[in-house]
Amino acid sequence: MNSSVWYTFTAPASGNVRANAAGINFDGQLAAYEVTDCNDFATYTLLGANDDGPNNVNPPLLNLCGLTPGAQYYLMYDPFSTTATGTYNLTLTEVSITAGSDNGLVDICLGDTVDLFTNIAGNDAGGVWYENIPTANFSDSIFVSAGLASQVFGFEYVVTDGCAADTISTFVEVYAPSSAGDDGTILACQNEP
């Protein structure tokens, strides 16, 4: 580490932070530490480090999750090269994501198709749907009930951003067609109950 610059920051309520140096193409490195004694490097605990952003671009990006809300942490930035000089930028933002809330059990008839996004509200885009019971025709958020058993099917919508993740579960109950039974006849004599 050469020409390092140190910062302190306070963890937000979510405990999830993104340190991002994108914006100026300067090849640097980021590292985050939990520190008990600022004057003793032996008390520094490395929480995470990175020297590249997404797709191996030069400005670093670092997501940190599970920090103690309100606690102070140290962030170190330095150039990747021992001889590099230049300008960089650094932004800290809270990583806050939500998979939304469930609108309750959805009832459908056997053979119906439902878009699971209609059963959650307030969700962030870009998540992935998973089904608890694998079915043949499930595609992204589209659940096709044709040919399935009449029962409750469970699904999870998972939103991730780096190390931060949020999940919501929702359920669909498939009902078989109603049946009044088979036709039949009875024989009765006149005036018999």
C-alpha atoms as a PDB file:
ATOM      1  CA  MET A   1       0.000   0.000   0.000  1.00  0.00           C
ATOM      2  CA  ASN A   2       1.432   3.326  -1.106  1.00  0.00           C
ATOM      3  CA  SER A   3      -0.025   6.822  -0.902  1.00  0.00           C
ATOM      4  CA  SER A   4      -3.022   5.544   1.009  1.00  0.00           C
ATOM      5  CA  VAL A   5      -5.825   7.835   2.156  1.00  0.00           C
ATOM      6  CA  TRP A   6      -7.981   6.842   5.128  1.00  0.00           C
ATOM      7  CA  TYR A   7     -11.595   7.714   5.861  1.00  0.00           C
ATOM      8  CA  THR A   8     -14.044   6.846   8.604  1.00  0.00           C
ATOM      9  CA  PHE A   9     -17.740   6.268   8.134  1.00  0.00           C
ATOM     10  CA  THR A  10     -20.707   5.323  10.270  1.00  0.00           C
ATOM     11  CA  ALA A  11     -22.707   2.271   9.234  1.00  0.00           C
ATOM     12  CA  PRO A  12     -26.333   3.017   8.280  1.00  0.00           C
ATOM     13  CA  ALA A  13     -29.390   1.365   9.812  1.00  0.00           C
ATOM     14  CA  SER A  14     -29.390  -1.454   7.239  1.00  0.00           C
ATOM     15  CA  GLY A  15     -25.741  -2.331   7.971  1.00  0.00           C
ATOM     16  CA  ASN A  16     -25.088  -2.457   4.200  1.00  0.00           C
ATOM     17  CA  VAL A  17     -22.752   0.007   2.437  1.00  0.00           C
ATOM     18  CA  ARG A  18     -21.349   0.422  -1.069  1.00  0.00           C
ATOM     19  CA  ALA A  19     -18.009   2.211  -1.503  1.00  0.00           C
ATOM     20  CA  ASN A  20     -17.717   3.172  -5.164  1.00  0.00           C
ATOM     21  CA  ALA A  21     -14.868   4.952  -6.950  1.00  0.00           C
ATOM     22  CA  ALA A  22     -16.489   4.865 -10.399  1.00  0.00           C
ATOM     23  CA  GLY A  23     -16.765   8.112 -12.315  1.00  0.00           C
ATOM     24  CA  ILE A  24     -13.061   8.770 -12.789  1.00  0.00           C
ATOM     25  CA  ASN A  25     -11.025   6.013 -14.408  1.00  0.00           C
ATOM     26  CA  PHE A  26      -8.237   5.850 -11.828  1.00  0.00           C
ATOM     27  CA  ASP A  27      -6.867   2.418 -10.957  1.00  0.00           C
ATOM     28  CA  GLY A  28      -7.169   2.156  -7.179  1.00  0.00           C
ATOM     29  CA  GLN A  29      -7.804  -0.217  -4.312  1.00  0.00           C
ATOM     30  CA  LEU A  30     -10.330  -0.122  -1.470  1.00  0.00           C
ATOM     31  CA  ALA A  31     -10.272  -1.878   1.882  1.00  0.00           C
ATOM     32  CA  ALA A  32     -12.598  -1.621   4.886  1.00  0.00           C
ATOM     33  CA  TYR A  33     -11.633  -2.307   8.468  1.00  0.00           C
ATOM     34  CA  GLU A  34     -13.188  -2.634  11.880  1.00  0.00           C
ATOM     35  CA  VAL A  35     -10.831  -0.911  14.320  1.00  0.00           C
ATOM     36  CA  THR A  36     -10.547  -1.049  18.095  1.00  0.00           C
ATOM     37  CA  ASP A  37      -7.431   1.165  18.480  1.00  0.00           C
ATOM     38  CA  CYS A  38      -6.627   3.652  15.702  1.00  0.00           C
ATOM     39  CA  ASN A  39      -2.952   3.781  16.784  1.00  0.00           C
ATOM     40  CA  ASP A  40      -2.405   0.008  16.660  1.00  0.00           C
ATOM     41  CA  PHE A  41      -2.687  -1.640  13.216  1.00  0.00           C
ATOM     42  CA  ALA A  42      -2.737  -5.040  14.949  1.00  0.00           C
ATOM     43  CA  THR A  43      -6.306  -4.194  16.081  1.00  0.00           C
ATOM     44  CA  TYR A  44      -7.516  -3.601  12.522  1.00  0.00           C
ATOM     45  CA  THR A  45      -9.802  -6.371  11.268  1.00  0.00           C
ATOM     46  CA  LEU A  46     -10.166  -6.508   7.476  1.00  0.00           C
ATOM     47  CA  LEU A  47     -13.842  -6.671   6.485  1.00  0.00           C
ATOM     48  CA  GLY A  48     -13.414  -6.603   2.720  1.00  0.00           C
ATOM     49  CA  ALA A  49     -11.201  -5.322  -0.068  1.00  0.00           C
ATOM     50  CA  ASN A  50     -11.331  -4.909  -3.842  1.00  0.00           C
ATOM     51  CA  ASP A  51      -9.203  -3.404  -6.568  1.00  0.00           C
ATOM     52  CA  ASP A  52     -11.671  -3.561  -9.466  1.00  0.00           C
ATOM     53  CA  GLY A  53     -15.248  -2.639 -10.217  1.00  0.00           C
ATOM     54  CA  PRO A  54     -17.725  -4.737 -12.205  1.00  0.00           C
ATOM     55  CA  ASN A  55     -16.335  -6.301 -15.394  1.00  0.00           C
ATOM     56  CA  ASN A  56     -12.742  -5.704 -14.183  1.00  0.00           C
ATOM     57  CA  VAL A  57     -12.751  -1.951 -14.754  1.00  0.00           C
ATOM     58  CA  ASN A  58     -10.087   0.057 -12.931  1.00  0.00           C
ATOM     59  CA  PRO A  59     -12.051   2.078 -10.348  1.00  0.00           C
ATOM     60  CA  PRO A  60     -12.799  -0.179  -7.371  1.00  0.00           C
ATOM     61  CA  LEU A  61     -16.208  -1.046  -5.972  1.00  0.00           C
ATOM     62  CA  LEU A  62     -16.757  -2.632  -2.571  1.00  0.00           C
ATOM     63  CA  ASN A  63     -20.031  -3.803  -1.012  1.00  0.00           C
ATOM     64  CA  LEU A  64     -20.053  -4.433   2.730  1.00  0.00           C
ATOM     65  CA  CYS A  65     -22.941  -6.163   4.500  1.00  0.00           C
ATOM     66  CA  GLY A  66     -23.753  -7.025   8.077  1.00  0.00           C
ATOM     67  CA  LEU A  67     -22.077  -3.973   9.612  1.00  0.00           C
ATOM     68  CA  THR A  68     -23.269  -2.868  13.032  1.00  0.00           C
ATOM     69  CA  PRO A  69     -25.659   0.077  12.530  1.00  0.00           C
ATOM     70  CA  GLY A  70     -24.216   3.258  14.035  1.00  0.00           C
ATOM     71  CA  ALA A  71     -20.712   1.791  14.464  1.00  0.00           C
ATOM     72  CA  GLN A  72     -17.662   3.532  12.994  1.00  0.00           C
ATOM     73  CA  TYR A  73     -15.505   1.820  10.367  1.00  0.00           C
ATOM     74  CA  TYR A  74     -12.327   2.723   8.487  1.00  0.00           C
ATOM     75  CA  LEU A  75     -12.007   2.811   4.717  1.00  0.00           C
ATOM     76  CA  MET A  76      -8.618   2.883   2.985  1.00  0.00           C
ATOM     77  CA  TYR A  77      -8.082   3.973  -0.623  1.00  0.00           C
ATOM     78  CA  ASP A  78      -4.766   3.814  -2.445  1.00  0.00           C
ATOM     79  CA  PRO A  79      -3.533   3.671  -6.053  1.00  0.00           C
ATOM     80  CA  PHE A  80      -3.033   0.207  -7.531  1.00  0.00           C
ATOM     81  CA  SER A  81       0.447   1.179  -8.770  1.00  0.00           C
ATOM     82  CA  THR A  82       3.273   2.399  -6.547  1.00  0.00           C
ATOM     83  CA  THR A  83       3.998   5.220  -9.022  1.00  0.00           C
ATOM     84  CA  ALA A  84       0.476   6.223 -10.103  1.00  0.00           C
ATOM     85  CA  THR A  85      -0.823   9.658  -9.233  1.00  0.00           C
ATOM     86  CA  GLY A  86      -4.090  11.224 -10.205  1.00  0.00           C
ATOM     87  CA  THR A  87      -7.577  12.179  -9.165  1.00  0.00           C
ATOM     88  CA  TYR A  88     -10.188   9.766  -7.892  1.00  0.00           C
ATOM     89  CA  ASN A  89     -13.669  10.062  -6.492  1.00  0.00           C
ATOM     90  CA  LEU A  90     -15.274   8.020  -3.760  1.00  0.00           C
ATOM     91  CA  THR A  91     -18.927   7.769  -2.822  1.00  0.00           C
ATOM     92  CA  LEU A  92     -20.511   5.850   0.031  1.00  0.00           C
ATOM     93  CA  THR A  93     -24.155   4.854  -0.253  1.00  0.00           C
ATOM     94  CA  GLU A  94     -26.429   2.634   1.752  1.00  0.00           C
ATOM     95  CA  VAL A  95     -27.352  -0.593  -0.025  1.00  0.00           C
ATOM     96  CA  SER A  96     -31.065  -0.834   0.612  1.00  0.00           C
ATOM     97  CA  ILE A  97     -33.114  -3.399  -1.281  1.00  0.00           C
ATOM     98  CA  THR A  98     -36.552  -4.880  -0.825  1.00  0.00           C
ATOM     99  CA  ALA A  99     -38.232  -7.927  -2.264  1.00  0.00           C
ATOM    100  CA  GLY A 100     -41.575  -6.317  -1.395  1.00  0.00           C
ATOM    101  CA  SER A 101     -44.566  -7.601   0.520  1.00  0.00           C
ATOM    102  CA  ASP A 102     -46.926 -10.484  -0.149  1.00  0.00           C
ATOM    103  CA  ASN A 103     -50.541  -9.709  -1.099  1.00  0.00           C
ATOM    104  CA  GLY A 104     -51.797 -13.059   0.279  1.00  0.00           C
ATOM    105  CA  LEU A 105     -52.751 -16.430  -1.156  1.00  0.00           C
ATOM    106  CA  VAL A 106     -53.801 -16.400  -4.829  1.00  0.00           C
ATOM    107  CA  ASP A 107     -56.594 -18.793  -5.863  1.00  0.00           C
ATOM    108  CA  ILE A 108     -56.644 -20.014  -9.471  1.00  0.00           C
ATOM    109  CA  CYS A 109     -58.421 -22.746 -11.395  1.00  0.00           C
ATOM    110  CA  LEU A 110     -56.480 -25.646 -12.847  1.00  0.00           C
ATOM    111  CA  GLY A 111     -55.224 -24.583 -16.270  1.00  0.00           C
ATOM    112  CA  ASP A 112     -54.948 -20.861 -15.420  1.00  0.00           C
ATOM    113  CA  THR A 113     -51.735 -18.866 -15.757  1.00  0.00           C
ATOM    114  CA  VAL A 114     -50.676 -16.212 -13.242  1.00  0.00           C
ATOM    115  CA  ASP A 115     -47.903 -13.598 -13.231  1.00  0.00           C
ATOM    116  CA  LEU A 116     -46.475 -13.779  -9.710  1.00  0.00           C
ATOM    117  CA  PHE A 117     -45.533 -10.082  -9.787  1.00  0.00           C
ATOM    118  CA  THR A 118     -49.268  -9.347  -9.415  1.00  0.00           C
ATOM    119  CA  ASN A 119     -49.097 -10.978  -5.975  1.00  0.00           C
ATOM    120  CA  ILE A 120     -46.313  -8.845  -4.458  1.00  0.00           C
ATOM    121  CA  ALA A 121     -46.100  -5.094  -3.925  1.00  0.00           C
ATOM    122  CA  GLY A 122     -43.313  -2.585  -3.320  1.00  0.00           C
ATOM    123  CA  ASN A 123     -40.592  -4.818  -4.734  1.00  0.00           C
ATOM    124  CA  ASP A 124     -37.330  -3.785  -6.371  1.00  0.00           C
ATOM    125  CA  ALA A 125     -36.865  -4.911  -9.964  1.00  0.00           C
ATOM    126  CA  GLY A 126     -34.129  -7.284 -11.056  1.00  0.00           C
ATOM    127  CA  GLY A 127     -34.847 -10.133  -8.664  1.00  0.00           C
ATOM    128  CA  VAL A 128     -35.168 -13.828  -9.466  1.00  0.00           C
ATOM    129  CA  TRP A 129     -38.168 -16.103  -8.884  1.00  0.00           C
ATOM    130  CA  TYR A 130     -37.747 -19.604  -7.449  1.00  0.00           C
ATOM    131  CA  GLU A 131     -40.422 -22.266  -7.000  1.00  0.00           C
ATOM    132  CA  ASN A 132     -40.531 -24.541  -3.965  1.00  0.00           C
ATOM    133  CA  ILE A 133     -42.001 -27.440  -5.997  1.00  0.00           C
ATOM    134  CA  PRO A 134     -40.419 -27.672  -9.474  1.00  0.00           C
ATOM    135  CA  THR A 135     -42.935 -27.597 -12.346  1.00  0.00           C
ATOM    136  CA  ALA A 136     -42.365 -28.026 -16.059  1.00  0.00           C
ATOM    137  CA  ASN A 137     -43.735 -24.733 -17.392  1.00  0.00           C
ATOM    138  CA  PHE A 138     -42.424 -22.211 -14.810  1.00  0.00           C
ATOM    139  CA  SER A 139     -40.664 -19.301 -16.526  1.00  0.00           C
ATOM    140  CA  ASP A 140     -39.405 -16.239 -14.610  1.00  0.00           C
ATOM    141  CA  SER A 141     -42.577 -14.950 -12.903  1.00  0.00           C
ATOM    142  CA  ILE A 142     -45.114 -16.850 -15.050  1.00  0.00           C
ATOM    143  CA  PHE A 143     -46.739 -19.847 -13.347  1.00  0.00           C
ATOM    144  CA  VAL A 144     -48.747 -22.160 -15.619  1.00  0.00           C
ATOM    145  CA  SER A 145     -51.024 -24.538 -13.705  1.00  0.00           C
ATOM    146  CA  ALA A 146     -52.085 -26.750 -16.625  1.00  0.00           C
ATOM    147  CA  GLY A 147     -51.482 -30.421 -15.860  1.00  0.00           C
ATOM    148  CA  LEU A 148     -50.550 -29.855 -12.210  1.00  0.00           C
ATOM    149  CA  ALA A 149     -52.036 -31.242  -9.018  1.00  0.00           C
ATOM    150  CA  SER A 150     -54.672 -29.286  -7.125  1.00  0.00           C
ATOM    151  CA  GLN A 151     -52.657 -27.980  -4.184  1.00  0.00           C
ATOM    152  CA  VAL A 152     -50.753 -24.955  -2.836  1.00  0.00           C
ATOM    153  CA  PHE A 153     -47.551 -23.979  -4.656  1.00  0.00           C
ATOM    154  CA  GLY A 154     -44.946 -21.753  -2.960  1.00  0.00           C
ATOM    155  CA  PHE A 155     -42.594 -19.262  -4.624  1.00  0.00           C
ATOM    156  CA  GLU A 156     -39.782 -16.969  -3.487  1.00  0.00           C
ATOM    157  CA  TYR A 157     -38.696 -13.675  -5.036  1.00  0.00           C
ATOM    158  CA  VAL A 158     -35.048 -12.893  -4.219  1.00  0.00           C
ATOM    159  CA  VAL A 159     -33.431  -9.495  -4.840  1.00  0.00           C
ATOM    160  CA  THR A 160     -29.650  -9.243  -4.461  1.00  0.00           C
ATOM    161  CA  ASP A 161     -27.196  -6.371  -4.704  1.00  0.00           C
ATOM    162  CA  GLY A 162     -23.678  -7.511  -3.981  1.00  0.00           C
ATOM    163  CA  CYS A 163     -23.799  -9.138  -0.569  1.00  0.00           C
ATOM    164  CA  ALA A 164     -27.190  -7.674   0.378  1.00  0.00           C
ATOM    165  CA  ALA A 165     -30.275  -9.802  -0.271  1.00  0.00           C
ATOM    166  CA  ASP A 166     -33.972  -9.757   0.527  1.00  0.00           C
ATOM    167  CA  THR A 167     -36.572 -12.481  -0.017  1.00  0.00           C
ATOM    168  CA  ILE A 168     -40.368 -12.588  -0.053  1.00  0.00           C
ATOM    169  CA  SER A 169     -42.536 -15.718  -0.248  1.00  0.00           C
ATOM    170  CA  THR A 170     -45.914 -15.942  -1.938  1.00  0.00           C
ATOM    171  CA  PHE A 171     -48.329 -18.812  -2.537  1.00  0.00           C
ATOM    172  CA  VAL A 172     -50.790 -19.920  -5.218  1.00  0.00           C
ATOM    173  CA  GLU A 173     -53.547 -22.476  -4.611  1.00  0.00           C
ATOM    174  CA  VAL A 174     -54.697 -24.436  -7.647  1.00  0.00           C
ATOM    175  CA  TYR A 175     -58.308 -25.695  -7.593  1.00  0.00           C
ATOM    176  CA  ALA A 176     -59.594 -28.562  -9.731  1.00  0.00           C
ATOM    177  CA  PRO A 177     -62.777 -27.957 -11.742  1.00  0.00           C
ATOM    178  CA  SER A 178     -65.967 -28.263  -9.685  1.00  0.00           C
ATOM    179  CA  SER A 179     -68.006 -31.429 -10.112  1.00  0.00           C
ATOM    180  CA  ALA A 180     -71.666 -32.044  -9.319  1.00  0.00           C
ATOM    181  CA  GLY A 181     -71.059 -35.793  -9.622  1.00  0.00           C
ATOM    182  CA  ASP A 182     -72.208 -38.422 -12.123  1.00  0.00           C
ATOM    183  CA  ASP A 183     -75.661 -38.544 -13.686  1.00  0.00           C
ATOM    184  CA  GLY A 184     -78.005 -41.139 -12.181  1.00  0.00           C
ATOM    185  CA  THR A 185     -81.590 -42.424 -12.063  1.00  0.00           C
ATOM    186  CA  ILE A 186     -83.809 -43.865  -9.372  1.00  0.00           C
ATOM    187  CA  LEU A 187     -86.958 -45.928  -9.583  1.00  0.00           C
ATOM    188  CA  ALA A 188     -89.875 -44.991  -7.330  1.00  0.00           C
ATOM    189  CA  CYS A 189     -93.508 -46.004  -7.234  1.00  0.00           C
ATOM    190  CA  GLN A 190     -96.168 -43.343  -7.385  1.00  0.00           C
ATOM    191  CA  ASN A 191     -96.846 -41.702  -4.002  1.00  0.00           C
ATOM    192  CA  GLU A 192     -93.729 -43.274  -2.460  1.00  0.00           C
ATOM    193  CA  PRO A 193     -91.363 -40.891  -0.681  1.00  0.00           C
END
